[in-house]
Amino acid sequence: MGISQQRLGSTIQRELAHIVNNVIKNGRVGNISITEAKVTKDLSFCYVYYTILSEDQEIIELTNTLLENNNKEIRMKLAEKIRNVRKIPELIFKYDEALAYGNRIETLLKEIKK
């Protein structure tokens, strides 16, 4: 019996929340929050959405580069934590723009209120 794609996604999200910040230790980036992990139907890929506190485009690009460069190590540590899956999906990291979008809307609403 296999693991469902939703359950695997939530397990990956929970485990990556700890793993990513242990692997990526960069003072400029700060804390990386994993907001969602979506696993494809064939369980071969996992889209991992993350966010950081900074809205600076340079730091967002640095974070993406660090995640891509350390993808193999992150995946290996994930495989150590998740034992009930035959093959750990390939991780594809994507910046989650929802938080930045929400902050932008809030700023605009405050400006309108003035």
PDB file of N, CA and C in Angstrom:
ATOM      1  N   MET A   1       0.842  -1.190   0.000  1.00  0.00           N
ATOM      2  CA  MET A   1       0.000   0.000   0.000  1.00  0.00           C
ATOM      3  C   MET A   1       0.880   1.243   0.000  1.00  0.00           C
ATOM      4  N   GLY A   2       0.637   2.145  -0.918  1.00  0.00           N
ATOM      5  CA  GLY A   2       1.455   3.347  -1.043  1.00  0.00           C
ATOM      6  C   GLY A   2       0.910   4.497  -0.221  1.00  0.00           C
ATOM      7  N   ILE A   3       1.682   5.522  -0.152  1.00  0.00           N
ATOM      8  CA  ILE A   3       1.301   6.715   0.582  1.00  0.00           C
ATOM      9  C   ILE A   3       0.597   7.670  -0.386  1.00  0.00           C
ATOM     10  N   SER A   4      -0.447   8.352   0.059  1.00  0.00           N
ATOM     11  CA  SER A   4      -1.182   9.253  -0.823  1.00  0.00           C
ATOM     12  C   SER A   4      -0.363  10.498  -1.103  1.00  0.00           C
ATOM     13  N   GLN A   5      -0.670  11.151  -2.215  1.00  0.00           N
ATOM     14  CA  GLN A   5       0.120  12.308  -2.608  1.00  0.00           C
ATOM     15  C   GLN A   5      -0.082  13.477  -1.642  1.00  0.00           C
ATOM     16  N   GLN A   6      -1.280  13.656  -1.083  1.00  0.00           N
ATOM     17  CA  GLN A   6      -1.497  14.727  -0.110  1.00  0.00           C
ATOM     18  C   GLN A   6      -0.744  14.467   1.186  1.00  0.00           C
ATOM     19  N   ARG A   7      -0.787  13.234   1.647  1.00  0.00           N
ATOM     20  CA  ARG A   7      -0.098  12.887   2.888  1.00  0.00           C
ATOM     21  C   ARG A   7       1.408  13.027   2.729  1.00  0.00           C
ATOM     22  N   LEU A   8       1.923  12.592   1.573  1.00  0.00           N
ATOM     23  CA  LEU A   8       3.353  12.732   1.314  1.00  0.00           C
ATOM     24  C   LEU A   8       3.732  14.208   1.240  1.00  0.00           C
ATOM     25  N   GLY A   9       2.904  15.029   0.615  1.00  0.00           N
ATOM     26  CA  GLY A   9       3.172  16.464   0.528  1.00  0.00           C
ATOM     27  C   GLY A   9       3.237  17.120   1.893  1.00  0.00           C
ATOM     28  N   SER A  10       2.298  16.788   2.758  1.00  0.00           N
ATOM     29  CA  SER A  10       2.305  17.390   4.097  1.00  0.00           C
ATOM     30  C   SER A  10       3.483  16.884   4.931  1.00  0.00           C
ATOM     31  N   THR A  11       3.862  15.620   4.751  1.00  0.00           N
ATOM     32  CA  THR A  11       5.024  15.077   5.456  1.00  0.00           C
ATOM     33  C   THR A  11       6.306  15.764   4.986  1.00  0.00           C
ATOM     34  N   ILE A  12       6.433  15.931   3.676  1.00  0.00           N
ATOM     35  CA  ILE A  12       7.610  16.612   3.128  1.00  0.00           C
ATOM     36  C   ILE A  12       7.669  18.047   3.622  1.00  0.00           C
ATOM     37  N   GLN A  13       6.538  18.736   3.629  1.00  0.00           N
ATOM     38  CA  GLN A  13       6.504  20.122   4.105  1.00  0.00           C
ATOM     39  C   GLN A  13       6.967  20.220   5.560  1.00  0.00           C
ATOM     40  N   ARG A  14       6.457  19.330   6.392  1.00  0.00           N
ATOM     41  CA  ARG A  14       6.803  19.344   7.818  1.00  0.00           C
ATOM     42  C   ARG A  14       8.291  19.079   8.029  1.00  0.00           C
ATOM     43  N   GLU A  15       8.836  18.076   7.323  1.00  0.00           N
ATOM     44  CA  GLU A  15      10.243  17.724   7.503  1.00  0.00           C
ATOM     45  C   GLU A  15      11.171  18.786   6.908  1.00  0.00           C
ATOM     46  N   LEU A  16      10.800  19.335   5.749  1.00  0.00           N
ATOM     47  CA  LEU A  16      11.651  20.343   5.109  1.00  0.00           C
ATOM     48  C   LEU A  16      11.741  21.623   5.928  1.00  0.00           C
ATOM     49  N   ALA A  17      10.709  21.920   6.709  1.00  0.00           N
ATOM     50  CA  ALA A  17      10.742  23.121   7.549  1.00  0.00           C
ATOM     51  C   ALA A  17      11.970  23.105   8.463  1.00  0.00           C
ATOM     52  N   HIS A  18      12.351  21.933   8.941  1.00  0.00           N
ATOM     53  CA  HIS A  18      13.524  21.822   9.806  1.00  0.00           C
ATOM     54  C   HIS A  18      14.807  21.673   8.993  1.00  0.00           C
ATOM     55  N   ILE A  19      14.767  20.843   7.968  1.00  0.00           N
ATOM     56  CA  ILE A  19      15.956  20.501   7.193  1.00  0.00           C
ATOM     57  C   ILE A  19      16.529  21.712   6.467  1.00  0.00           C
ATOM     58  N   VAL A  20      15.674  22.483   5.793  1.00  0.00           N
ATOM     59  CA  VAL A  20      16.140  23.598   4.964  1.00  0.00           C
ATOM     60  C   VAL A  20      16.933  24.611   5.785  1.00  0.00           C
ATOM     61  N   ASN A  21      16.437  24.976   6.948  1.00  0.00           N
ATOM     62  CA  ASN A  21      17.133  25.980   7.752  1.00  0.00           C
ATOM     63  C   ASN A  21      18.407  25.443   8.400  1.00  0.00           C
ATOM     64  N   ASN A  22      18.514  24.116   8.550  1.00  0.00           N
ATOM     65  CA  ASN A  22      19.760  23.539   9.048  1.00  0.00           C
ATOM     66  C   ASN A  22      20.817  23.486   7.959  1.00  0.00           C
ATOM     67  N   VAL A  23      20.410  23.240   6.724  1.00  0.00           N
ATOM     68  CA  VAL A  23      21.351  23.154   5.607  1.00  0.00           C
ATOM     69  C   VAL A  23      21.759  24.548   5.131  1.00  0.00           C
ATOM     70  N   ILE A  24      20.790  25.434   4.971  1.00  0.00           N
ATOM     71  CA  ILE A  24      21.047  26.791   4.493  1.00  0.00           C
ATOM     72  C   ILE A  24      21.277  27.696   5.692  1.00  0.00           C
ATOM     73  N   LYS A  25      22.514  27.971   5.963  1.00  0.00           N
ATOM     74  CA  LYS A  25      22.847  28.873   7.074  1.00  0.00           C
ATOM     75  C   LYS A  25      23.547  30.091   6.490  1.00  0.00           C
ATOM     76  N   ASN A  26      22.721  31.060   6.078  1.00  0.00           N
ATOM     77  CA  ASN A  26      23.238  32.279   5.487  1.00  0.00           C
ATOM     78  C   ASN A  26      22.599  33.443   6.216  1.00  0.00           C
ATOM     79  N   GLY A  27      23.411  34.313   6.772  1.00  0.00           N
ATOM     80  CA  GLY A  27      22.915  35.436   7.556  1.00  0.00           C
ATOM     81  C   GLY A  27      22.065  36.413   6.762  1.00  0.00           C
ATOM     82  N   ARG A  28      22.345  36.561   5.483  1.00  0.00           N
ATOM     83  CA  ARG A  28      21.578  37.495   4.651  1.00  0.00           C
ATOM     84  C   ARG A  28      20.174  36.975   4.379  1.00  0.00           C
ATOM     85  N   VAL A  29      20.035  35.660   4.245  1.00  0.00           N
ATOM     86  CA  VAL A  29      18.742  35.063   3.910  1.00  0.00           C
ATOM     87  C   VAL A  29      17.830  35.020   5.128  1.00  0.00           C
ATOM     88  N   GLY A  30      18.348  34.619   6.256  1.00  0.00           N
ATOM     89  CA  GLY A  30      17.518  34.494   7.447  1.00  0.00           C
ATOM     90  C   GLY A  30      16.742  33.186   7.444  1.00  0.00           C
ATOM     91  N   ASN A  31      15.542  33.223   7.993  1.00  0.00           N
ATOM     92  CA  ASN A  31      14.723  32.025   8.122  1.00  0.00           C
ATOM     93  C   ASN A  31      13.899  31.796   6.850  1.00  0.00           C
ATOM     94  N   ILE A  32      13.909  30.556   6.367  1.00  0.00           N
ATOM     95  CA  ILE A  32      13.124  30.179   5.194  1.00  0.00           C
ATOM     96  C   ILE A  32      11.914  29.388   5.686  1.00  0.00           C
ATOM     97  N   SER A  33      10.726  29.846   5.303  1.00  0.00           N
ATOM     98  CA  SER A  33       9.490  29.155   5.685  1.00  0.00           C
ATOM     99  C   SER A  33       8.959  28.368   4.500  1.00  0.00           C
ATOM    100  N   ILE A  34       8.666  27.099   4.728  1.00  0.00           N
ATOM    101  CA  ILE A  34       8.065  26.262   3.695  1.00  0.00           C
ATOM    102  C   ILE A  34       6.552  26.427   3.818  1.00  0.00           C
ATOM    103  N   THR A  35       5.922  26.995   2.780  1.00  0.00           N
ATOM    104  CA  THR A  35       4.493  27.268   2.859  1.00  0.00           C
ATOM    105  C   THR A  35       3.635  26.130   2.309  1.00  0.00           C
ATOM    106  N   GLU A  36       4.183  25.373   1.343  1.00  0.00           N
ATOM    107  CA  GLU A  36       3.398  24.289   0.756  1.00  0.00           C
ATOM    108  C   GLU A  36       4.320  23.335   0.012  1.00  0.00           C
ATOM    109  N   ALA A  37       3.911  22.087  -0.045  1.00  0.00           N
ATOM    110  CA  ALA A  37       4.616  21.079  -0.845  1.00  0.00           C
ATOM    111  C   ALA A  37       3.574  20.289  -1.616  1.00  0.00           C
ATOM    112  N   LYS A  38       3.622  20.377  -2.946  1.00  0.00           N
ATOM    113  CA  LYS A  38       2.659  19.677  -3.804  1.00  0.00           C
ATOM    114  C   LYS A  38       3.386  18.574  -4.561  1.00  0.00           C
ATOM    115  N   VAL A  39       2.919  17.362  -4.386  1.00  0.00           N
ATOM    116  CA  VAL A  39       3.522  16.199  -5.032  1.00  0.00           C
ATOM    117  C   VAL A  39       2.696  15.860  -6.276  1.00  0.00           C
ATOM    118  N   THR A  40       3.383  15.552  -7.375  1.00  0.00           N
ATOM    119  CA  THR A  40       2.681  15.166  -8.599  1.00  0.00           C
ATOM    120  C   THR A  40       2.019  13.804  -8.407  1.00  0.00           C
ATOM    121  N   LYS A  41       1.089  13.460  -9.298  1.00  0.00           N
ATOM    122  CA  LYS A  41       0.329  12.214  -9.165  1.00  0.00           C
ATOM    123  C   LYS A  41       1.209  10.971  -9.202  1.00  0.00           C
ATOM    124  N   ASP A  42       2.272  11.014  -9.997  1.00  0.00           N
ATOM    125  CA  ASP A  42       3.158   9.849 -10.076  1.00  0.00           C
ATOM    126  C   ASP A  42       4.227   9.844  -8.974  1.00  0.00           C
ATOM    127  N   LEU A  43       4.153  10.806  -8.052  1.00  0.00           N
ATOM    128  CA  LEU A  43       5.048  10.917  -6.888  1.00  0.00           C
ATOM    129  C   LEU A  43       6.524  11.081  -7.278  1.00  0.00           C
ATOM    130  N   SER A  44       6.796  11.587  -8.478  1.00  0.00           N
ATOM    131  CA  SER A  44       8.192  11.725  -8.895  1.00  0.00           C
ATOM    132  C   SER A  44       8.731  13.142  -8.691  1.00  0.00           C
ATOM    133  N   PHE A  45       7.843  14.138  -8.593  1.00  0.00           N
ATOM    134  CA  PHE A  45       8.271  15.515  -8.377  1.00  0.00           C
ATOM    135  C   PHE A  45       7.487  16.123  -7.233  1.00  0.00           C
ATOM    136  N   CYS A  46       8.134  17.046  -6.536  1.00  0.00           N
ATOM    137  CA  CYS A  46       7.473  17.775  -5.461  1.00  0.00           C
ATOM    138  C   CYS A  46       7.806  19.254  -5.619  1.00  0.00           C
ATOM    139  N   TYR A  47       6.777  20.058  -5.812  1.00  0.00           N
ATOM    140  CA  TYR A  47       6.962  21.498  -5.893  1.00  0.00           C
ATOM    141  C   TYR A  47       6.895  22.048  -4.474  1.00  0.00           C
ATOM    142  N   VAL A  48       8.005  22.624  -4.030  1.00  0.00           N
ATOM    143  CA  VAL A  48       8.125  23.128  -2.670  1.00  0.00           C
ATOM    144  C   VAL A  48       8.084  24.655  -2.724  1.00  0.00           C
ATOM    145  N   TYR A  49       7.039  25.231  -2.134  1.00  0.00           N
ATOM    146  CA  TYR A  49       6.876  26.677  -2.115  1.00  0.00           C
ATOM    147  C   TYR A  49       7.415  27.211  -0.797  1.00  0.00           C
ATOM    148  N   TYR A  50       8.237  28.255  -0.898  1.00  0.00           N
ATOM    149  CA  TYR A  50       8.864  28.825   0.290  1.00  0.00           C
ATOM    150  C   TYR A  50       8.715  30.341   0.280  1.00  0.00           C
ATOM    151  N   THR A  51       8.909  30.934   1.437  1.00  0.00           N
ATOM    152  CA  THR A  51       8.906  32.386   1.556  1.00  0.00           C
ATOM    153  C   THR A  51       9.965  32.794   2.570  1.00  0.00           C
ATOM    154  N   ILE A  52      10.411  34.034   2.433  1.00  0.00           N
ATOM    155  CA  ILE A  52      11.359  34.613   3.391  1.00  0.00           C
ATOM    156  C   ILE A  52      10.809  35.977   3.802  1.00  0.00           C
ATOM    157  N   LEU A  53      11.354  36.538   4.870  1.00  0.00           N
ATOM    158  CA  LEU A  53      10.833  37.800   5.371  1.00  0.00           C
ATOM    159  C   LEU A  53      11.202  38.986   4.491  1.00  0.00           C
ATOM    160  N   SER A  54      12.304  38.910   3.791  1.00  0.00           N
ATOM    161  CA  SER A  54      12.765  40.015   2.957  1.00  0.00           C
ATOM    162  C   SER A  54      12.014  40.051   1.630  1.00  0.00           C
ATOM    163  N   GLU A  55      11.721  41.261   1.158  1.00  0.00           N
ATOM    164  CA  GLU A  55      11.106  41.428  -0.155  1.00  0.00           C
ATOM    165  C   GLU A  55      12.132  41.901  -1.181  1.00  0.00           C
ATOM    166  N   ASP A  56      13.398  41.986  -0.773  1.00  0.00           N
ATOM    167  CA  ASP A  56      14.479  42.407  -1.661  1.00  0.00           C
ATOM    168  C   ASP A  56      14.716  41.325  -2.715  1.00  0.00           C
ATOM    169  N   GLN A  57      14.616  41.705  -3.988  1.00  0.00           N
ATOM    170  CA  GLN A  57      14.732  40.741  -5.087  1.00  0.00           C
ATOM    171  C   GLN A  57      16.080  40.037  -5.084  1.00  0.00           C
ATOM    172  N   GLU A  58      17.138  40.741  -4.704  1.00  0.00           N
ATOM    173  CA  GLU A  58      18.480  40.151  -4.664  1.00  0.00           C
ATOM    174  C   GLU A  58      18.561  39.012  -3.638  1.00  0.00           C
ATOM    175  N   ILE A  59      17.957  39.204  -2.487  1.00  0.00           N
ATOM    176  CA  ILE A  59      17.974  38.178  -1.441  1.00  0.00           C
ATOM    177  C   ILE A  59      17.080  37.005  -1.834  1.00  0.00           C
ATOM    178  N   ILE A  60      15.970  37.273  -2.514  1.00  0.00           N
ATOM    179  CA  ILE A  60      15.100  36.199  -2.997  1.00  0.00           C
ATOM    180  C   ILE A  60      15.855  35.328  -3.997  1.00  0.00           C
ATOM    181  N   GLU A  61      16.605  35.962  -4.903  1.00  0.00           N
ATOM    182  CA  GLU A  61      17.403  35.214  -5.888  1.00  0.00           C
ATOM    183  C   GLU A  61      18.524  34.434  -5.213  1.00  0.00           C
ATOM    184  N   LEU A  62      19.153  35.037  -4.191  1.00  0.00           N
ATOM    185  CA  LEU A  62      20.198  34.348  -3.437  1.00  0.00           C
ATOM    186  C   LEU A  62      19.627  33.110  -2.752  1.00  0.00           C
ATOM    187  N   THR A  63      18.454  33.239  -2.163  1.00  0.00           N
ATOM    188  CA  THR A  63      17.802  32.112  -1.505  1.00  0.00           C
ATOM    189  C   THR A  63      17.518  30.999  -2.499  1.00  0.00           C
ATOM    190  N   ASN A  64      16.995  31.363  -3.664  1.00  0.00           N
ATOM    191  CA  ASN A  64      16.696  30.370  -4.687  1.00  0.00           C
ATOM    192  C   ASN A  64      17.967  29.656  -5.139  1.00  0.00           C
ATOM    193  N   THR A  65      19.046  30.406  -5.320  1.00  0.00           N
ATOM    194  CA  THR A  65      20.327  29.816  -5.717  1.00  0.00           C
ATOM    195  C   THR A  65      20.843  28.859  -4.648  1.00  0.00           C
ATOM    196  N   LEU A  66      20.755  29.261  -3.384  1.00  0.00           N
ATOM    197  CA  LEU A  66      21.210  28.402  -2.284  1.00  0.00           C
ATOM    198  C   LEU A  66      20.391  27.111  -2.215  1.00  0.00           C
ATOM    199  N   LEU A  67      19.095  27.232  -2.406  1.00  0.00           N
ATOM    200  CA  LEU A  67      18.242  26.039  -2.370  1.00  0.00           C
ATOM    201  C   LEU A  67      18.566  25.105  -3.532  1.00  0.00           C
ATOM    202  N   GLU A  68      18.765  25.655  -4.715  1.00  0.00           N
ATOM    203  CA  GLU A  68      19.088  24.823  -5.881  1.00  0.00           C
ATOM    204  C   GLU A  68      20.454  24.162  -5.723  1.00  0.00           C
ATOM    205  N   ASN A  69      21.430  24.905  -5.213  1.00  0.00           N
ATOM    206  CA  ASN A  69      22.777  24.351  -5.040  1.00  0.00           C
ATOM    207  C   ASN A  69      22.828  23.265  -3.974  1.00  0.00           C
ATOM    208  N   ASN A  70      21.960  23.345  -2.983  1.00  0.00           N
ATOM    209  CA  ASN A  70      21.944  22.375  -1.887  1.00  0.00           C
ATOM    210  C   ASN A  70      20.797  21.378  -2.013  1.00  0.00           C
ATOM    211  N   ASN A  71      20.177  21.326  -3.181  1.00  0.00           N
ATOM    212  CA  ASN A  71      19.016  20.464  -3.411  1.00  0.00           C
ATOM    213  C   ASN A  71      19.332  19.000  -3.110  1.00  0.00           C
ATOM    214  N   LYS A  72      20.472  18.537  -3.566  1.00  0.00           N
ATOM    215  CA  LYS A  72      20.844  17.131  -3.377  1.00  0.00           C
ATOM    216  C   LYS A  72      20.995  16.789  -1.888  1.00  0.00           C
ATOM    217  N   GLU A  73      21.675  17.665  -1.153  1.00  0.00           N
ATOM    218  CA  GLU A  73      21.870  17.431   0.288  1.00  0.00           C
ATOM    219  C   GLU A  73      20.533  17.470   1.033  1.00  0.00           C
ATOM    220  N   ILE A  74      19.674  18.429   0.665  1.00  0.00           N
ATOM    221  CA  ILE A  74      18.361  18.538   1.299  1.00  0.00           C
ATOM    222  C   ILE A  74      17.549  17.275   1.033  1.00  0.00           C
ATOM    223  N   ARG A  75      17.590  16.789  -0.194  1.00  0.00           N
ATOM    224  CA  ARG A  75      16.839  15.582  -0.567  1.00  0.00           C
ATOM    225  C   ARG A  75      17.362  14.354   0.174  1.00  0.00           C
ATOM    226  N   MET A  76      18.688  14.265   0.342  1.00  0.00           N
ATOM    227  CA  MET A  76      19.267  13.134   1.072  1.00  0.00           C
ATOM    228  C   MET A  76      18.836  13.150   2.540  1.00  0.00           C
ATOM    229  N   LYS A  77      18.839  14.326   3.154  1.00  0.00           N
ATOM    230  CA  LYS A  77      18.410  14.433   4.550  1.00  0.00           C
ATOM    231  C   LYS A  77      16.919  14.130   4.683  1.00  0.00           C
ATOM    232  N   LEU A  78      16.154  14.503   3.673  1.00  0.00           N
ATOM    233  CA  LEU A  78      14.727  14.195   3.662  1.00  0.00           C
ATOM    234  C   LEU A  78      14.511  12.686   3.578  1.00  0.00           C
ATOM    235  N   ALA A  79      15.313  12.014   2.776  1.00  0.00           N
ATOM    236  CA  ALA A  79      15.209  10.554   2.635  1.00  0.00           C
ATOM    237  C   ALA A  79      15.518   9.848   3.954  1.00  0.00           C
ATOM    238  N   GLU A  80      16.420  10.432   4.754  1.00  0.00           N
ATOM    239  CA  GLU A  80      16.730   9.850   6.068  1.00  0.00           C
ATOM    240  C   GLU A  80      15.535   9.954   7.009  1.00  0.00           C
ATOM    241  N   LYS A  81      14.752  11.033   6.862  1.00  0.00           N
ATOM    242  CA  LYS A  81      13.609  11.259   7.758  1.00  0.00           C
ATOM    243  C   LYS A  81      12.364  10.486   7.337  1.00  0.00           C
ATOM    244  N   ILE A  82      12.137  10.384   6.024  1.00  0.00           N
ATOM    245  CA  ILE A  82      10.935   9.712   5.519  1.00  0.00           C
ATOM    246  C   ILE A  82      11.329   8.326   5.041  1.00  0.00           C
ATOM    247  N   ARG A  83      10.956   7.328   5.785  1.00  0.00           N
ATOM    248  CA  ARG A  83      11.372   5.957   5.492  1.00  0.00           C
ATOM    249  C   ARG A  83      10.312   5.131   4.757  1.00  0.00           C
ATOM    250  N   ASN A  84       9.045   5.559   4.808  1.00  0.00           N
ATOM    251  CA  ASN A  84       7.974   4.732   4.260  1.00  0.00           C
ATOM    252  C   ASN A  84       7.676   5.005   2.781  1.00  0.00           C
ATOM    253  N   VAL A  85       8.623   5.638   2.078  1.00  0.00           N
ATOM    254  CA  VAL A  85       8.466   5.929   0.656  1.00  0.00           C
ATOM    255  C   VAL A  85       9.615   5.275  -0.089  1.00  0.00           C
ATOM    256  N   ARG A  86       9.284   4.598  -1.163  1.00  0.00           N
ATOM    257  CA  ARG A  86      10.300   3.888  -1.932  1.00  0.00           C
ATOM    258  C   ARG A  86      11.306   4.851  -2.566  1.00  0.00           C
ATOM    259  N   LYS A  87      10.795   5.944  -3.144  1.00  0.00           N
ATOM    260  CA  LYS A  87      11.654   6.918  -3.818  1.00  0.00           C
ATOM    261  C   LYS A  87      11.221   8.321  -3.418  1.00  0.00           C
ATOM    262  N   ILE A  88      12.172   9.117  -2.959  1.00  0.00           N
ATOM    263  CA  ILE A  88      11.884  10.504  -2.591  1.00  0.00           C
ATOM    264  C   ILE A  88      11.746  11.318  -3.886  1.00  0.00           C
ATOM    265  N   PRO A  89      10.680  12.108  -4.020  1.00  0.00           N
ATOM    266  CA  PRO A  89      10.497  12.889  -5.249  1.00  0.00           C
ATOM    267  C   PRO A  89      11.599  13.935  -5.444  1.00  0.00           C
ATOM    268  N   GLU A  90      11.826  14.298  -6.704  1.00  0.00           N
ATOM    269  CA  GLU A  90      12.732  15.404  -7.015  1.00  0.00           C
ATOM    270  C   GLU A  90      12.106  16.670  -6.457  1.00  0.00           C
ATOM    271  N   LEU A  91      12.917  17.515  -5.813  1.00  0.00           N
ATOM    272  CA  LEU A  91      12.411  18.741  -5.206  1.00  0.00           C
ATOM    273  C   LEU A  91      12.604  19.911  -6.159  1.00  0.00           C
ATOM    274  N   ILE A  92      11.533  20.636  -6.397  1.00  0.00           N
ATOM    275  CA  ILE A  92      11.584  21.831  -7.233  1.00  0.00           C
ATOM    276  C   ILE A  92      11.140  22.994  -6.356  1.00  0.00           C
ATOM    277  N   PHE A  93      12.075  23.891  -6.044  1.00  0.00           N
ATOM    278  CA  PHE A  93      11.787  25.003  -5.147  1.00  0.00           C
ATOM    279  C   PHE A  93      11.260  26.196  -5.928  1.00  0.00           C
ATOM    280  N   LYS A  94      10.165  26.789  -5.399  1.00  0.00           N
ATOM    281  CA  LYS A  94       9.564  27.964  -6.019  1.00  0.00           C
ATOM    282  C   LYS A  94       9.247  28.979  -4.932  1.00  0.00           C
ATOM    283  N   TYR A  95       9.551  30.233  -5.215  1.00  0.00           N
ATOM    284  CA  TYR A  95       9.252  31.304  -4.266  1.00  0.00           C
ATOM    285  C   TYR A  95       7.747  31.553  -4.241  1.00  0.00           C
ATOM    286  N   ASP A  96       7.167  31.571  -3.057  1.00  0.00           N
ATOM    287  CA  ASP A  96       5.737  31.809  -2.876  1.00  0.00           C
ATOM    288  C   ASP A  96       5.511  33.311  -2.739  1.00  0.00           C
ATOM    289  N   GLU A  97       4.885  33.894  -3.737  1.00  0.00           N
ATOM    290  CA  GLU A  97       4.708  35.347  -3.767  1.00  0.00           C
ATOM    291  C   GLU A  97       3.453  35.806  -3.038  1.00  0.00           C
ATOM    292  N   ALA A  98       2.707  34.906  -2.443  1.00  0.00           N
ATOM    293  CA  ALA A  98       1.447  35.262  -1.784  1.00  0.00           C
ATOM    294  C   ALA A  98       1.664  36.231  -0.623  1.00  0.00           C
ATOM    295  N   LEU A  99       2.703  36.028   0.176  1.00  0.00           N
ATOM    296  CA  LEU A  99       2.964  36.906   1.319  1.00  0.00           C
ATOM    297  C   LEU A  99       3.334  38.311   0.845  1.00  0.00           C
ATOM    298  N   ALA A 100       4.201  38.395  -0.148  1.00  0.00           N
ATOM    299  CA  ALA A 100       4.596  39.697  -0.689  1.00  0.00           C
ATOM    300  C   ALA A 100       3.393  40.404  -1.312  1.00  0.00           C
ATOM    301  N   TYR A 101       2.548  39.649  -1.993  1.00  0.00           N
ATOM    302  CA  TYR A 101       1.349  40.212  -2.608  1.00  0.00           C
ATOM    303  C   TYR A 101       0.402  40.753  -1.533  1.00  0.00           C
ATOM    304  N   GLY A 102       0.228  39.998  -0.469  1.00  0.00           N
ATOM    305  CA  GLY A 102      -0.617  40.439   0.640  1.00  0.00           C
ATOM    306  C   GLY A 102      -0.085  41.696   1.302  1.00  0.00           C
ATOM    307  N   ASN A 103       1.234  41.763   1.483  1.00  0.00           N
ATOM    308  CA  ASN A 103       1.847  42.966   2.068  1.00  0.00           C
ATOM    309  C   ASN A 103       1.649  44.173   1.162  1.00  0.00           C
ATOM    310  N   ARG A 104       1.755  43.973  -0.136  1.00  0.00           N
ATOM    311  CA  ARG A 104       1.568  45.063  -1.106  1.00  0.00           C
ATOM    312  C   ARG A 104       0.128  45.574  -1.039  1.00  0.00           C
ATOM    313  N   ILE A 105      -0.842  44.679  -0.983  1.00  0.00           N
ATOM    314  CA  ILE A 105      -2.254  45.072  -0.884  1.00  0.00           C
ATOM    315  C   ILE A 105      -2.495  45.858   0.403  1.00  0.00           C
ATOM    316  N   GLU A 106      -1.913  45.373   1.498  1.00  0.00           N
ATOM    317  CA  GLU A 106      -2.076  46.049   2.791  1.00  0.00           C
ATOM    318  C   GLU A 106      -1.496  47.458   2.748  1.00  0.00           C
ATOM    319  N   THR A 107      -0.332  47.619   2.116  1.00  0.00           N
ATOM    320  CA  THR A 107       0.292  48.927   1.982  1.00  0.00           C
ATOM    321  C   THR A 107      -0.594  49.862   1.161  1.00  0.00           C
ATOM    322  N   LEU A 108      -1.126  49.333   0.065  1.00  0.00           N
ATOM    323  CA  LEU A 108      -2.008  50.157  -0.771  1.00  0.00           C
ATOM    324  C   LEU A 108      -3.271  50.583  -0.023  1.00  0.00           C
ATOM    325  N   LEU A 109      -3.832  49.663   0.765  1.00  0.00           N
ATOM    326  CA  LEU A 109      -5.037  50.006   1.535  1.00  0.00           C
ATOM    327  C   LEU A 109      -4.740  51.070   2.590  1.00  0.00           C
ATOM    328  N   LYS A 110      -3.567  51.006   3.205  1.00  0.00           N
ATOM    329  CA  LYS A 110      -3.191  52.027   4.192  1.00  0.00           C
ATOM    330  C   LYS A 110      -3.018  53.378   3.525  1.00  0.00           C
ATOM    331  N   GLU A 111      -2.454  53.393   2.303  1.00  0.00           N
ATOM    332  CA  GLU A 111      -2.282  54.640   1.584  1.00  0.00           C
ATOM    333  C   GLU A 111      -3.635  55.243   1.200  1.00  0.00           C
ATOM    334  N   ILE A 112      -4.576  54.407   0.801  1.00  0.00           N
ATOM    335  CA  ILE A 112      -5.908  54.879   0.428  1.00  0.00           C
ATOM    336  C   ILE A 112      -6.631  55.445   1.648  1.00  0.00           C
ATOM    337  N   LYS A 113      -6.422  54.797   2.792  1.00  0.00           N
ATOM    338  CA  LYS A 113      -7.094  55.216   4.038  1.00  0.00           C
ATOM    339  C   LYS A 113      -6.636  56.618   4.454  1.00  0.00           C
ATOM    340  N   LYS A 114      -5.384  56.978   4.142  1.00  0.00           N
ATOM    341  CA  LYS A 114      -4.869  58.311   4.496  1.00  0.00           C
ATOM    342  C   LYS A 114      -5.554  59.315   3.659  1.00  0.00           C
TER     343      LYS A 114
END
